[in-house]
Every structure is written in structure tokens, then in C-alpha cells.
């Protein structure tokens, strides 16, 4: 079994392993730099599982940022029947593309 961690960022939880390429909500890190995130909810070394309350103490995930991209467009449409009232709102989330370097 291989080492993995459950990482919380941007209000979402992501299961990551070393070498995974992930897309998370935009963080303030330049492309090519490394960053350490310590919001690890669960950590497994292949044998045992540590679950945090809410985070595992002393655990961190090191990411190497590849760049920033824009996600898919999400459309929100509301209409009130028989009233002629309509509203369309679009949103594209900025995403950070990163590679998991190590899980500590």
C-alpha cells in the first residue's frame, strides 16, 4: 500500500499521493515554486491511518506549483414562471495546477 493524505484546501477535500498532479483553488504562489500545506485531514503510511480533529498535527504536504488555469464555466439560470423574469450568471474558477512532491 502506498502513502496518501487527504488535503483540505478551498473548502474541498482531495485525496493525494506522491507524484499526483492536482488542481486546487487558486493559492498565492508563483509558478515553479514549492509550498507546504498543513491542512491535512487524514494521513496514511500504507499500514495505519491517522485522522485529525480537524487536522493531523505535524502533518504536511509539499506541492510544486506548475501554474494557474481557469476551470470550466458554471452557469446559474433562474426564471420565474409566467413573469418574464430571467437571470443568467456565469462563473469560472481560477485553479492552481500542482504536483505533490512529498507527504510528511
Protein backbone atom coordinates (compact mmCIF):
# COMPACT_ATOMS: atom_id res chain seq x y z
CA UNK A 1 0.00 0.00 0.00
CA UNK A 2 1.29 3.46 -0.76
CA UNK A 3 1.33 6.59 1.38
CA UNK A 4 -1.57 9.02 0.89
CA UNK A 5 -3.15 12.05 2.52
CA UNK A 6 -6.50 13.82 2.46
CA UNK A 7 -5.81 17.51 1.92
CA UNK A 8 -8.31 20.31 2.58
CA UNK A 9 -7.99 23.48 0.53
CA UNK A 10 -10.57 25.87 -0.84
CA UNK A 11 -13.30 24.24 1.24
CA UNK A 12 -12.85 20.91 -0.57
CA UNK A 13 -11.04 17.73 0.39
CA UNK A 14 -8.72 15.95 -2.06
CA UNK A 15 -7.03 12.56 -1.75
CA UNK A 16 -3.39 12.89 -2.87
CA UNK A 17 -0.40 10.60 -3.34
CA UNK A 18 3.22 11.48 -4.13
CA UNK A 19 3.55 12.30 -7.82
CA UNK A 20 -0.13 13.18 -8.35
CA UNK A 21 -0.97 16.22 -10.45
CA UNK A 22 -3.84 18.08 -8.77
CA UNK A 23 -5.99 21.13 -9.46
CA UNK A 24 -6.97 23.13 -6.39
CA UNK A 25 -8.49 26.56 -5.89
CA UNK A 26 -6.02 29.35 -6.59
CA UNK A 27 -3.35 29.95 -3.95
CA UNK A 28 -0.91 32.86 -3.87
CA UNK A 29 2.24 31.04 -5.04
CA UNK A 30 4.27 31.74 -8.20
CA UNK A 31 4.70 29.06 -10.89
CA UNK A 32 7.79 26.92 -10.29
CA UNK A 33 7.86 27.47 -6.52
CA UNK A 34 7.15 24.96 -3.80
CA UNK A 35 4.65 25.40 -0.98
CA UNK A 36 3.75 23.43 2.12
CA UNK A 37 0.12 22.92 3.11
CA UNK A 38 -0.59 21.73 6.65
CA UNK A 39 -4.37 21.33 6.36
CA UNK A 40 -4.14 17.52 6.28
CA UNK A 41 -7.38 15.86 7.44
CA UNK A 42 -6.13 12.26 7.23
CA UNK A 43 -2.74 10.62 6.73
CA UNK A 44 -1.88 7.02 5.89
CA UNK A 45 1.57 5.46 5.67
CA UNK A 46 0.21 2.32 3.99
CA UNK A 47 -0.29 0.46 7.28
CA UNK A 48 -2.02 2.84 9.69
CA UNK A 49 -4.44 5.71 9.24
CA UNK A 50 -4.33 8.90 11.32
CA UNK A 51 -7.46 11.04 11.27
CA UNK A 52 -7.26 14.60 12.54
CA UNK A 53 -9.72 16.65 14.57
CA UNK A 54 -9.94 18.59 12.25
CA UNK A 55 -6.29 18.34 11.08
CA UNK A 56 -3.46 15.89 11.79
CA UNK A 57 -0.83 17.61 13.95
CA UNK A 58 2.62 17.86 12.39
CA UNK A 59 1.47 16.55 9.01
CA UNK A 60 2.08 18.50 5.81
CA UNK A 61 2.02 18.08 2.05
CA UNK A 62 4.66 19.71 -0.17
CA UNK A 63 3.43 20.88 -3.59
CA UNK A 64 5.35 22.19 -6.60
CA UNK A 65 3.18 24.71 -8.43
CA UNK A 66 3.12 24.32 -12.22
CA UNK A 67 0.87 27.28 -13.00
CA UNK A 68 -2.62 28.76 -12.94
CA UNK A 69 -5.53 27.94 -15.22
CA UNK A 70 -9.23 28.65 -15.43
CA UNK A 71 -11.77 25.93 -14.74
CA UNK A 72 -14.93 25.07 -16.61
CA UNK A 73 -17.66 27.69 -16.83
CA UNK A 74 -20.55 27.09 -14.45
CA UNK A 75 -23.90 28.65 -15.42
CA UNK A 76 -26.62 29.55 -12.96
CA UNK A 77 -30.02 30.23 -14.56
CA UNK A 78 -33.11 31.32 -12.67
CA UNK A 79 -36.53 32.03 -14.14
CA UNK A 80 -39.85 32.83 -12.54
CA UNK A 81 -42.63 31.20 -14.46
CA UNK A 82 -45.21 33.39 -16.19
CA UNK A 83 -43.44 36.58 -15.02
CA UNK A 84 -40.86 37.12 -17.77
CA UNK A 85 -38.15 37.41 -15.10
CA UNK A 86 -34.93 35.61 -16.01
CA UNK A 87 -31.38 35.73 -14.74
CA UNK A 88 -28.23 34.07 -16.08
CA UNK A 89 -24.94 34.24 -14.18
CA UNK A 90 -21.69 32.59 -15.27
CA UNK A 91 -18.58 31.83 -13.21
CA UNK A 92 -15.11 30.43 -13.97
CA UNK A 93 -12.93 29.46 -11.02
CA UNK A 94 -9.18 30.18 -11.09
CA UNK A 95 -7.29 26.93 -10.37
CA UNK A 96 -3.71 26.22 -9.33
CA UNK A 97 -2.14 23.20 -11.02
CA UNK A 98 0.42 21.50 -8.76
CA UNK A 99 2.36 18.26 -8.37
CA UNK A 100 2.63 16.52 -4.99
CA UNK A 101 6.32 16.25 -4.07
CA UNK A 102 6.17 14.73 -0.59
CA UNK A 103 3.84 13.82 2.24
CA UNK A 104 5.29 14.37 5.73
